[in-house]
PDB file of N, CA and C in Angstrom:
ATOM      1  N   MET A   1     148.502  52.600 124.201  1.00  0.00           N
ATOM      2  CA  MET A   1     148.580  51.252 123.689  1.00  0.00           C
ATOM      3  C   MET A   1     148.585  51.303 122.159  1.00  0.00           C
ATOM      4  N   THR A   2     149.532  50.656 121.543  1.00  0.00           N
ATOM      5  CA  THR A   2     149.658  50.633 120.088  1.00  0.00           C
ATOM      6  C   THR A   2     148.882  49.451 119.532  1.00  0.00           C
ATOM      7  N   LYS A   3     148.111  49.719 118.492  1.00  0.00           N
ATOM      8  CA  LYS A   3     147.364  48.638 117.857  1.00  0.00           C
ATOM      9  C   LYS A   3     148.302  47.778 117.031  1.00  0.00           C
ATOM     10  N   GLN A   4     148.015  46.491 117.021  1.00  0.00           N
ATOM     11  CA  GLN A   4     148.819  45.556 116.237  1.00  0.00           C
ATOM     12  C   GLN A   4     148.548  45.794 114.747  1.00  0.00           C
ATOM     13  N   LYS A   5     149.607  45.745 113.972  1.00  0.00           N
ATOM     14  CA  LYS A   5     149.492  45.868 112.515  1.00  0.00           C
ATOM     15  C   LYS A   5     149.744  44.505 111.896  1.00  0.00           C
ATOM     16  N   PHE A   6     148.984  44.200 110.856  1.00  0.00           N
ATOM     17  CA  PHE A   6     149.130  42.935 110.147  1.00  0.00           C
ATOM     18  C   PHE A   6     149.694  43.201 108.766  1.00  0.00           C
ATOM     19  N   ASP A   7     150.501  42.298 108.296  1.00  0.00           N
ATOM     20  CA  ASP A   7     151.121  42.465 106.985  1.00  0.00           C
ATOM     21  C   ASP A   7     150.308  41.706 105.932  1.00  0.00           C
ATOM     22  N   ASN A   8     149.438  42.443 105.264  1.00  0.00           N
ATOM     23  CA  ASN A   8     148.589  41.867 104.217  1.00  0.00           C
ATOM     24  C   ASN A   8     149.153  42.137 102.824  1.00  0.00           C
ATOM     25  N   ARG A   9     150.325  42.745 102.758  1.00  0.00           N
ATOM     26  CA  ARG A   9     150.881  43.191 101.468  1.00  0.00           C
ATOM     27  C   ARG A   9     151.048  42.065 100.450  1.00  0.00           C
ATOM     28  N   GLU A  10     151.580  40.932 100.884  1.00  0.00           N
ATOM     29  CA  GLU A  10     151.840  39.844  99.935  1.00  0.00           C
ATOM     30  C   GLU A  10     150.534  39.373  99.305  1.00  0.00           C
ATOM     31  N   ARG A  11     149.543  39.178 100.122  1.00  0.00           N
ATOM     32  CA  ARG A  11     148.247  38.716  99.604  1.00  0.00           C
ATOM     33  C   ARG A  11     147.586  39.801  98.754  1.00  0.00           C
ATOM     34  N   LEU A  12     147.670  41.027  99.172  1.00  0.00           N
ATOM     35  CA  LEU A  12     147.091  42.131  98.399  1.00  0.00           C
ATOM     36  C   LEU A  12     147.772  42.279  97.040  1.00  0.00           C
ATOM     37  N   SER A  13     149.055  41.988  96.993  1.00  0.00           N
ATOM     38  CA  SER A  13     149.793  42.133  95.731  1.00  0.00           C
ATOM     39  C   SER A  13     149.310  41.140  94.671  1.00  0.00           C
ATOM     40  N   ARG A  14     148.674  40.065  95.109  1.00  0.00           N
ATOM     41  CA  ARG A  14     148.172  39.056  94.171  1.00  0.00           C
ATOM     42  C   ARG A  14     146.774  39.365  93.645  1.00  0.00           C
ATOM     43  N   VAL A  15     146.139  40.405  94.160  1.00  0.00           N
ATOM     44  CA  VAL A  15     144.777  40.741  93.747  1.00  0.00           C
ATOM     45  C   VAL A  15     144.832  41.548  92.455  1.00  0.00           C
ATOM     46  N   LYS A  16     144.135  41.076  91.467  1.00  0.00           N
ATOM     47  CA  LYS A  16     144.071  41.744  90.158  1.00  0.00           C
ATOM     48  C   LYS A  16     143.005  42.837  90.188  1.00  0.00           C
ATOM     49  N   GLU A  17     143.107  43.773  89.250  1.00  0.00           N
ATOM     50  CA  GLU A  17     142.167  44.891  89.190  1.00  0.00           C
ATOM     51  C   GLU A  17     140.721  44.412  89.075  1.00  0.00           C
ATOM     52  N   LYS A  18     140.492  43.393  88.261  1.00  0.00           N
ATOM     53  CA  LYS A  18     139.137  42.862  88.092  1.00  0.00           C
ATOM     54  C   LYS A  18     138.600  42.317  89.421  1.00  0.00           C
ATOM     55  N   GLN A  19     139.453  41.658  90.191  1.00  0.00           N
ATOM     56  CA  GLN A  19     139.042  41.132  91.490  1.00  0.00           C
ATOM     57  C   GLN A  19     138.667  42.263  92.451  1.00  0.00           C
ATOM     58  N   TRP A  20     139.431  43.360  92.386  1.00  0.00           N
ATOM     59  CA  TRP A  20     139.103  44.524  93.221  1.00  0.00           C
ATOM     60  C   TRP A  20     137.726  45.066  92.859  1.00  0.00           C
ATOM     61  N   ARG A  21     137.488  45.244  91.563  1.00  0.00           N
ATOM     62  CA  ARG A  21     136.183  45.776  91.133  1.00  0.00           C
ATOM     63  C   ARG A  21     135.046  44.877  91.593  1.00  0.00           C
ATOM     64  N   GLU A  22     135.206  43.574  91.400  1.00  0.00           N
ATOM     65  CA  GLU A  22     134.169  42.626  91.808  1.00  0.00           C
ATOM     66  C   GLU A  22     133.974  42.641  93.323  1.00  0.00           C
ATOM     67  N   ALA A  23     135.064  42.694  94.068  1.00  0.00           N
ATOM     68  CA  ALA A  23     134.986  42.712  95.530  1.00  0.00           C
ATOM     69  C   ALA A  23     134.302  43.980  96.018  1.00  0.00           C
ATOM     70  N   LEU A  24     134.642  45.108  95.421  1.00  0.00           N
ATOM     71  CA  LEU A  24     134.020  46.368  95.842  1.00  0.00           C
ATOM     72  C   LEU A  24     132.546  46.413  95.447  1.00  0.00           C
ATOM     73  N   ASP A  25     132.188  45.807  94.332  1.00  0.00           N
ATOM     74  CA  ASP A  25     130.776  45.708  93.946  1.00  0.00           C
ATOM     75  C   ASP A  25     130.012  44.854  94.955  1.00  0.00           C
ATOM     76  N   GLU A  26     130.613  43.734  95.360  1.00  0.00           N
ATOM     77  CA  GLU A  26     129.984  42.866  96.358  1.00  0.00           C
ATOM     78  C   GLU A  26     129.861  43.581  97.702  1.00  0.00           C
ATOM     79  N   LEU A  27     130.900  44.324  98.070  1.00  0.00           N
ATOM     80  CA  LEU A  27     130.877  45.077  99.319  1.00  0.00           C
ATOM     81  C   LEU A  27     129.768  46.124  99.296  1.00  0.00           C
ATOM     82  N   THR A  28     129.634  46.823  98.193  1.00  0.00           N
ATOM     83  CA  THR A  28     128.581  47.829  98.050  1.00  0.00           C
ATOM     84  C   THR A  28     127.200  47.194  98.208  1.00  0.00           C
ATOM     85  N   ALA A  29     126.991  46.064  97.545  1.00  0.00           N
ATOM     86  CA  ALA A  29     125.706  45.367  97.639  1.00  0.00           C
ATOM     87  C   ALA A  29     125.444  44.911  99.077  1.00  0.00           C
ATOM     88  N   TYR A  30     126.476  44.406  99.730  1.00  0.00           N
ATOM     89  CA  TYR A  30     126.334  43.928 101.105  1.00  0.00           C
ATOM     90  C   TYR A  30     125.968  45.064 102.055  1.00  0.00           C
ATOM     91  N   ILE A  31     126.686  46.176 101.982  1.00  0.00           N
ATOM     92  CA  ILE A  31     126.412  47.306 102.875  1.00  0.00           C
ATOM     93  C   ILE A  31     125.021  47.862 102.599  1.00  0.00           C
ATOM     94  N   THR A  32     124.658  47.974 101.341  1.00  0.00           N
ATOM     95  CA  THR A  32     123.331  48.470 100.973  1.00  0.00           C
ATOM     96  C   THR A  32     122.249  47.566 101.575  1.00  0.00           C
ATOM     97  N   TRP A  33     122.446  46.260 101.465  1.00  0.00           N
ATOM     98  CA  TRP A  33     121.493  45.301 102.030  1.00  0.00           C
ATOM     99  C   TRP A  33     121.439  45.414 103.552  1.00  0.00           C
ATOM    100  N   ARG A  34     122.606  45.471 104.194  1.00  0.00           N
ATOM    101  CA  ARG A  34     122.661  45.532 105.664  1.00  0.00           C
ATOM    102  C   ARG A  34     121.989  46.778 106.230  1.00  0.00           C
ATOM    103  N   LEU A  35     122.144  47.882 105.529  1.00  0.00           N
ATOM    104  CA  LEU A  35     121.658  49.156 106.065  1.00  0.00           C
ATOM    105  C   LEU A  35     120.352  49.628 105.439  1.00  0.00           C
ATOM    106  N   HIS A  36     119.736  48.817 104.631  1.00  0.00           N
ATOM    107  CA  HIS A  36     118.515  49.217 103.924  1.00  0.00           C
ATOM    108  C   HIS A  36     117.526  49.899 104.874  1.00  0.00           C
ATOM    109  N   GLY A  37     117.240  51.160 104.578  1.00  0.00           N
ATOM    110  CA  GLY A  37     116.272  51.913 105.365  1.00  0.00           C
ATOM    111  C   GLY A  37     116.762  52.375 106.722  1.00  0.00           C
ATOM    112  N   ARG A  38     118.042  52.286 106.991  1.00  0.00           N
ATOM    113  CA  ARG A  38     118.556  52.651 108.314  1.00  0.00           C
ATOM    114  C   ARG A  38     119.605  53.763 108.259  1.00  0.00           C
ATOM    115  N   THR A  39     119.532  54.598 107.258  1.00  0.00           N
ATOM    116  CA  THR A  39     120.574  55.622 107.117  1.00  0.00           C
ATOM    117  C   THR A  39     120.042  57.057 107.204  1.00  0.00           C
ATOM    118  N   GLU A  40     118.767  57.231 107.390  1.00  0.00           N
ATOM    119  CA  GLU A  40     118.206  58.584 107.462  1.00  0.00           C
ATOM    120  C   GLU A  40     118.425  59.227 108.826  1.00  0.00           C
ATOM    121  N   TYR A  41     118.470  58.429 109.880  1.00  0.00           N
ATOM    122  CA  TYR A  41     118.693  58.924 111.228  1.00  0.00           C
ATOM    123  C   TYR A  41     119.316  57.793 112.042  1.00  0.00           C
ATOM    124  N   GLY A  42     119.803  58.125 113.211  1.00  0.00           N
ATOM    125  CA  GLY A  42     120.375  57.105 114.090  1.00  0.00           C
ATOM    126  C   GLY A  42     121.848  56.834 113.829  1.00  0.00           C
ATOM    127  N   ALA A  43     122.282  55.660 114.189  1.00  0.00           N
ATOM    128  CA  ALA A  43     123.698  55.283 114.189  1.00  0.00           C
ATOM    129  C   ALA A  43     124.370  55.404 112.832  1.00  0.00           C
ATOM    130  N   HIS A  44     123.621  55.205 111.749  1.00  0.00           N
ATOM    131  CA  HIS A  44     124.229  55.161 110.419  1.00  0.00           C
ATOM    132  C   HIS A  44     123.919  56.382 109.556  1.00  0.00           C
ATOM    133  N   CYS A  45     123.421  57.449 110.153  1.00  0.00           N
ATOM    134  CA  CYS A  45     123.115  58.637 109.344  1.00  0.00           C
ATOM    135  C   CYS A  45     124.395  59.436 109.062  1.00  0.00           C
ATOM    136  N   ALA A  46     124.343  60.211 108.021  1.00  0.00           N
ATOM    137  CA  ALA A  46     125.514  60.989 107.603  1.00  0.00           C
ATOM    138  C   ALA A  46     125.962  61.977 108.674  1.00  0.00           C
ATOM    139  N   ALA A  47     125.019  62.529 109.418  1.00  0.00           N
ATOM    140  CA  ALA A  47     125.386  63.493 110.465  1.00  0.00           C
ATOM    141  C   ALA A  47     126.228  62.844 111.558  1.00  0.00           C
ATOM    142  N   VAL A  48     126.015  61.587 111.826  1.00  0.00           N
ATOM    143  CA  VAL A  48     126.775  60.864 112.848  1.00  0.00           C
ATOM    144  C   VAL A  48     128.096  60.353 112.286  1.00  0.00           C
ATOM    145  N   LEU A  49     128.054  59.781 111.079  1.00  0.00           N
ATOM    146  CA  LEU A  49     129.247  59.167 110.485  1.00  0.00           C
ATOM    147  C   LEU A  49     130.183  60.172 109.819  1.00  0.00           C
ATOM    148  N   GLY A  50     129.660  61.335 109.456  1.00  0.00           N
ATOM    149  CA  GLY A  50     130.483  62.325 108.764  1.00  0.00           C
ATOM    150  C   GLY A  50     130.491  62.140 107.261  1.00  0.00           C
ATOM    151  N   ASP A  51     129.763  61.156 106.771  1.00  0.00           N
ATOM    152  CA  ASP A  51     129.669  60.854 105.339  1.00  0.00           C
ATOM    153  C   ASP A  51     128.462  59.939 105.182  1.00  0.00           C
ATOM    154  N   ASN A  52     128.028  59.715 103.952  1.00  0.00           N
ATOM    155  CA  ASN A  52     126.928  58.765 103.812  1.00  0.00           C
ATOM    156  C   ASN A  52     127.441  57.384 104.213  1.00  0.00           C
ATOM    157  N   ALA A  53     126.543  56.554 104.697  1.00  0.00           N
ATOM    158  CA  ALA A  53     126.920  55.267 105.288  1.00  0.00           C
ATOM    159  C   ALA A  53     127.650  54.361 104.303  1.00  0.00           C
ATOM    160  N   LEU A  54     127.197  54.297 103.069  1.00  0.00           N
ATOM    161  CA  LEU A  54     127.838  53.433 102.083  1.00  0.00           C
ATOM    162  C   LEU A  54     129.297  53.841 101.870  1.00  0.00           C
ATOM    163  N   ALA A  55     129.527  55.118 101.660  1.00  0.00           N
ATOM    164  CA  ALA A  55     130.890  55.609 101.469  1.00  0.00           C
ATOM    165  C   ALA A  55     131.737  55.384 102.722  1.00  0.00           C
ATOM    166  N   HIS A  56     131.158  55.658 103.872  1.00  0.00           N
ATOM    167  CA  HIS A  56     131.889  55.512 105.136  1.00  0.00           C
ATOM    168  C   HIS A  56     132.348  54.071 105.366  1.00  0.00           C
ATOM    169  N   TYR A  57     131.416  53.135 105.330  1.00  0.00           N
ATOM    170  CA  TYR A  57     131.772  51.748 105.632  1.00  0.00           C
ATOM    171  C   TYR A  57     132.634  51.119 104.547  1.00  0.00           C
ATOM    172  N   SER A  58     132.409  51.476 103.297  1.00  0.00           N
ATOM    173  CA  SER A  58     133.265  50.969 102.210  1.00  0.00           C
ATOM    174  C   SER A  58     134.697  51.436 102.405  1.00  0.00           C
ATOM    175  N   HIS A  59     134.847  52.727 102.635  1.00  0.00           N
ATOM    176  CA  HIS A  59     136.176  53.305 102.814  1.00  0.00           C
ATOM    177  C   HIS A  59     136.875  52.712 104.034  1.00  0.00           C
ATOM    178  N   GLU A  60     136.159  52.597 105.132  1.00  0.00           N
ATOM    179  CA  GLU A  60     136.762  52.066 106.353  1.00  0.00           C
ATOM    180  C   GLU A  60     137.200  50.608 106.179  1.00  0.00           C
ATOM    181  N   ALA A  61     136.370  49.786 105.555  1.00  0.00           N
ATOM    182  CA  ALA A  61     136.738  48.375 105.347  1.00  0.00           C
ATOM    183  C   ALA A  61     137.984  48.274 104.476  1.00  0.00           C
ATOM    184  N   TYR A  62     137.989  49.014 103.376  1.00  0.00           N
ATOM    185  CA  TYR A  62     139.120  49.022 102.443  1.00  0.00           C
ATOM    186  C   TYR A  62     140.392  49.493 103.157  1.00  0.00           C
ATOM    187  N   THR A  63     140.293  50.607 103.834  1.00  0.00           N
ATOM    188  CA  THR A  63     141.452  51.215 104.498  1.00  0.00           C
ATOM    189  C   THR A  63     142.024  50.310 105.583  1.00  0.00           C
ATOM    190  N   ARG A  64     141.164  49.701 106.358  1.00  0.00           N
ATOM    191  CA  ARG A  64     141.658  48.840 107.445  1.00  0.00           C
ATOM    192  C   ARG A  64     142.367  47.604 106.927  1.00  0.00           C
ATOM    193  N   LEU A  65     141.907  47.075 105.806  1.00  0.00           N
ATOM    194  CA  LEU A  65     142.592  45.926 105.225  1.00  0.00           C
ATOM    195  C   LEU A  65     143.931  46.350 104.622  1.00  0.00           C
ATOM    196  N   ILE A  66     143.929  47.432 103.859  1.00  0.00           N
ATOM    197  CA  ILE A  66     145.144  47.934 103.205  1.00  0.00           C
ATOM    198  C   ILE A  66     146.205  48.331 104.234  1.00  0.00           C
ATOM    199  N   ASN A  67     145.786  49.012 105.286  1.00  0.00           N
ATOM    200  CA  ASN A  67     146.730  49.504 106.294  1.00  0.00           C
ATOM    201  C   ASN A  67     147.151  48.443 107.307  1.00  0.00           C
ATOM    202  N   GLY A  68     146.606  47.244 107.191  1.00  0.00           N
ATOM    203  CA  GLY A  68     146.988  46.182 108.121  1.00  0.00           C
ATOM    204  C   GLY A  68     146.348  46.300 109.483  1.00  0.00           C
ATOM    205  N   GLU A  69     145.259  47.054 109.578  1.00  0.00           N
ATOM    206  CA  GLU A  69     144.558  47.171 110.850  1.00  0.00           C
ATOM    207  C   GLU A  69     143.640  45.973 111.082  1.00  0.00           C
ATOM    208  N   TRP A  70     143.526  45.141 110.075  1.00  0.00           N
ATOM    209  CA  TRP A  70     142.687  43.948 110.145  1.00  0.00           C
ATOM    210  C   TRP A  70     143.443  42.818 109.464  1.00  0.00           C
ATOM    211  N   LYS A  71     143.541  41.677 110.109  1.00  0.00           N
ATOM    212  CA  LYS A  71     144.240  40.543 109.524  1.00  0.00           C
ATOM    213  C   LYS A  71     143.334  39.858 108.503  1.00  0.00           C
ATOM    214  N   TRP A  72     143.864  39.644 107.321  1.00  0.00           N
ATOM    215  CA  TRP A  72     143.121  38.982 106.255  1.00  0.00           C
ATOM    216  C   TRP A  72     143.130  37.490 106.522  1.00  0.00           C
ATOM    217  N   ASP A  73     141.978  36.935 106.810  1.00  0.00           N
ATOM    218  CA  ASP A  73     141.819  35.503 107.056  1.00  0.00           C
ATOM    219  C   ASP A  73     142.129  34.748 105.772  1.00  0.00           C
ATOM    220  N   GLU A  74     143.053  33.815 105.832  1.00  0.00           N
ATOM    221  CA  GLU A  74     143.489  33.059 104.652  1.00  0.00           C
ATOM    222  C   GLU A  74     142.360  32.284 103.981  1.00  0.00           C
ATOM    223  N   ASN A  75     141.296  31.996 104.704  1.00  0.00           N
ATOM    224  CA  ASN A  75     140.184  31.223 104.157  1.00  0.00           C
ATOM    225  C   ASN A  75     139.143  32.080 103.445  1.00  0.00           C
ATOM    226  N   LEU A  76     139.334  33.382 103.450  1.00  0.00           N
ATOM    227  CA  LEU A  76     138.347  34.285 102.865  1.00  0.00           C
ATOM    228  C   LEU A  76     138.862  34.949 101.595  1.00  0.00           C
ATOM    229  N   SER A  77     137.954  35.133 100.656  1.00  0.00           N
ATOM    230  CA  SER A  77     138.286  35.904  99.452  1.00  0.00           C
ATOM    231  C   SER A  77     138.353  37.379  99.839  1.00  0.00           C
ATOM    232  N   LEU A  78     138.814  38.204  98.926  1.00  0.00           N
ATOM    233  CA  LEU A  78     138.866  39.644  99.178  1.00  0.00           C
ATOM    234  C   LEU A  78     137.475  40.172  99.501  1.00  0.00           C
ATOM    235  N   ALA A  79     136.482  39.815  98.705  1.00  0.00           N
ATOM    236  CA  ALA A  79     135.110  40.290  98.931  1.00  0.00           C
ATOM    237  C   ALA A  79     134.589  39.848 100.291  1.00  0.00           C
ATOM    238  N   GLU A  80     134.823  38.586 100.627  1.00  0.00           N
ATOM    239  CA  GLU A  80     134.360  38.071 101.910  1.00  0.00           C
ATOM    240  C   GLU A  80     135.022  38.807 103.072  1.00  0.00           C
ATOM    241  N   GLN A  81     136.331  39.058 102.950  1.00  0.00           N
ATOM    242  CA  GLN A  81     137.036  39.746 104.031  1.00  0.00           C
ATOM    243  C   GLN A  81     136.537  41.170 104.193  1.00  0.00           C
ATOM    244  N   LEU A  82     136.329  41.870 103.096  1.00  0.00           N
ATOM    245  CA  LEU A  82     135.808  43.239 103.175  1.00  0.00           C
ATOM    246  C   LEU A  82     134.424  43.263 103.812  1.00  0.00           C
ATOM    247  N   LYS A  83     133.599  42.270 103.494  1.00  0.00           N
ATOM    248  CA  LYS A  83     132.256  42.201 104.081  1.00  0.00           C
ATOM    249  C   LYS A  83     132.323  41.903 105.581  1.00  0.00           C
ATOM    250  N   VAL A  84     133.263  41.059 105.994  1.00  0.00           N
ATOM    251  CA  VAL A  84     133.436  40.781 107.425  1.00  0.00           C
ATOM    252  C   VAL A  84     133.827  42.065 108.162  1.00  0.00           C
ATOM    253  N   ILE A  85     134.747  42.804 107.598  1.00  0.00           N
ATOM    254  CA  ILE A  85     135.188  44.050 108.229  1.00  0.00           C
ATOM    255  C   ILE A  85     134.026  45.037 108.301  1.00  0.00           C
ATOM    256  N   ALA A  86     133.332  45.245 107.197  1.00  0.00           N
ATOM    257  CA  ALA A  86     132.207  46.181 107.169  1.00  0.00           C
ATOM    258  C   ALA A  86     131.126  45.755 108.159  1.00  0.00           C
ATOM    259  N   GLY A  87     130.825  44.464 108.204  1.00  0.00           N
ATOM    260  CA  GLY A  87     129.819  43.976 109.147  1.00  0.00           C
ATOM    261  C   GLY A  87     130.194  44.265 110.587  1.00  0.00           C
ATOM    262  N   SER A  88     131.452  44.070 110.906  1.00  0.00           N
ATOM    263  CA  SER A  88     131.938  44.364 112.252  1.00  0.00           C
ATOM    264  C   SER A  88     131.832  45.859 112.557  1.00  0.00           C
ATOM    265  N   LEU A  89     132.221  46.686 111.606  1.00  0.00           N
ATOM    266  CA  LEU A  89     132.131  48.137 111.796  1.00  0.00           C
ATOM    267  C   LEU A  89     130.687  48.579 112.019  1.00  0.00           C
ATOM    268  N   ILE A  90     129.765  47.995 111.260  1.00  0.00           N
ATOM    269  CA  ILE A  90     128.343  48.329 111.401  1.00  0.00           C
ATOM    270  C   ILE A  90     127.854  47.939 112.795  1.00  0.00           C
ATOM    271  N   CYS A  91     128.175  46.733 113.231  1.00  0.00           N
ATOM    272  CA  CYS A  91     127.768  46.283 114.573  1.00  0.00           C
ATOM    273  C   CYS A  91     128.373  47.153 115.665  1.00  0.00           C
ATOM    274  N   ASN A  92     129.648  47.487 115.528  1.00  0.00           N
ATOM    275  CA  ASN A  92     130.309  48.326 116.529  1.00  0.00           C
ATOM    276  C   ASN A  92     129.700  49.721 116.577  1.00  0.00           C
ATOM    277  N   GLN A  93     129.301  50.240 115.433  1.00  0.00           N
ATOM    278  CA  GLN A  93     128.677  51.560 115.389  1.00  0.00           C
ATOM    279  C   GLN A  93     127.340  51.542 116.132  1.00  0.00           C
ATOM    280  N   VAL A  94     126.574  50.483 115.961  1.00  0.00           N
ATOM    281  CA  VAL A  94     125.287  50.360 116.662  1.00  0.00           C
ATOM    282  C   VAL A  94     125.515  50.284 118.163  1.00  0.00           C
ATOM    283  N   THR A  95     126.493  49.497 118.593  1.00  0.00           N
ATOM    284  CA  THR A  95     126.812  49.377 120.017  1.00  0.00           C
ATOM    285  C   THR A  95     127.211  50.729 120.591  1.00  0.00           C
ATOM    286  N   LYS A  96     128.065  51.438 119.875  1.00  0.00           N
ATOM    287  CA  LYS A  96     128.512  52.763 120.307  1.00  0.00           C
ATOM    288  C   LYS A  96     127.321  53.722 120.383  1.00  0.00           C
ATOM    289  N   TRP A  97     126.456  53.660 119.396  1.00  0.00           N
ATOM    290  CA  TRP A  97     125.283  54.543 119.337  1.00  0.00           C
ATOM    291  C   TRP A  97     124.339  54.253 120.508  1.00  0.00           C
ATOM    292  N   LYS A  98     124.162  52.995 120.853  1.00  0.00           N
ATOM    293  CA  LYS A  98     123.265  52.634 121.948  1.00  0.00           C
ATOM    294  C   LYS A  98     123.778  53.153 123.284  1.00  0.00           C
ATOM    295  N   ARG A  99     125.102  53.237 123.432  1.00  0.00           N
ATOM    296  CA  ARG A  99     125.689  53.779 124.658  1.00  0.00           C
ATOM    297  C   ARG A  99     125.489  55.281 124.762  1.00  0.00           C
ATOM    298  N   ASN A 100     125.467  55.977 123.612  1.00  0.00           N
ATOM    299  CA  ASN A 100     125.332  57.429 123.585  1.00  0.00           C
ATOM    300  C   ASN A 100     124.447  57.823 122.402  1.00  0.00           C
ATOM    301  N   PRO A 101     123.136  57.653 122.549  1.00  0.00           N
ATOM    302  CA  PRO A 101     122.230  57.848 121.415  1.00  0.00           C
ATOM    303  C   PRO A 101     121.832  59.281 121.107  1.00  0.00           C
ATOM    304  N   GLU A 102     122.556  60.240 121.588  1.00  0.00           N
ATOM    305  CA  GLU A 102     122.191  61.624 121.312  1.00  0.00           C
ATOM    306  C   GLU A 102     122.303  61.904 119.808  1.00  0.00           C
ATOM    307  N   ALA A 103     121.217  62.368 119.274  1.00  0.00           N
ATOM    308  CA  ALA A 103     121.196  62.680 117.837  1.00  0.00           C
ATOM    309  C   ALA A 103     121.847  64.041 117.601  1.00  0.00           C
ATOM    310  N   PRO A 104     122.547  64.204 116.501  1.00  0.00           N
ATOM    311  CA  PRO A 104     123.105  65.502 116.154  1.00  0.00           C
ATOM    312  C   PRO A 104     121.992  66.501 115.924  1.00  0.00           C
ATOM    313  N   PRO A 105     122.276  67.802 116.026  1.00  0.00           N
ATOM    314  CA  PRO A 105     121.250  68.820 115.793  1.00  0.00           C
ATOM    315  C   PRO A 105     120.561  68.618 114.445  1.00  0.00           C
ATOM    316  N   GLY A 106     119.240  68.809 114.448  1.00  0.00           N
ATOM    317  CA  GLY A 106     118.485  68.709 113.200  1.00  0.00           C
ATOM    318  C   GLY A 106     118.057  67.304 112.859  1.00  0.00           C
ATOM    319  N   ILE A 107     118.451  66.304 113.632  1.00  0.00           N
ATOM    320  CA  ILE A 107     118.082  64.910 113.356  1.00  0.00           C
ATOM    321  C   ILE A 107     116.925  64.542 114.281  1.00  0.00           C
ATOM    322  N   VAL A 108     115.858  64.078 113.694  1.00  0.00           N
ATOM    323  CA  VAL A 108     114.699  63.658 114.471  1.00  0.00           C
ATOM    324  C   VAL A 108     114.738  62.140 114.604  1.00  0.00           C
ATOM    325  N   VAL A 109     114.746  61.670 115.840  1.00  0.00           N
ATOM    326  CA  VAL A 109     114.782  60.230 116.093  1.00  0.00           C
ATOM    327  C   VAL A 109     113.428  59.762 116.553  1.00  0.00           C
TER     328      VAL A 109
END
């Protein structure tokens, strides 16, 4: 099954560099707040994600919007849309972890 791709190019082309910086700063603050104290072990630890949680979720939110894997809601700013994507990814990771909570070697849960 092929995933649907969305064409966000026109809207992305209107985003200025300053808006990107501000949006990524807001995204960083949001992810940091959402995951505060929850990255040493469990669903959001580096051993599970393959990278630190902040880098992982930031990169995934950015990439999914750029690649059209997520439709940009016309009512949301860039920062808001990135936060929606990151929030969804965080929730999905927890759901996935709850189904298979085996910790990687060396991780104490």
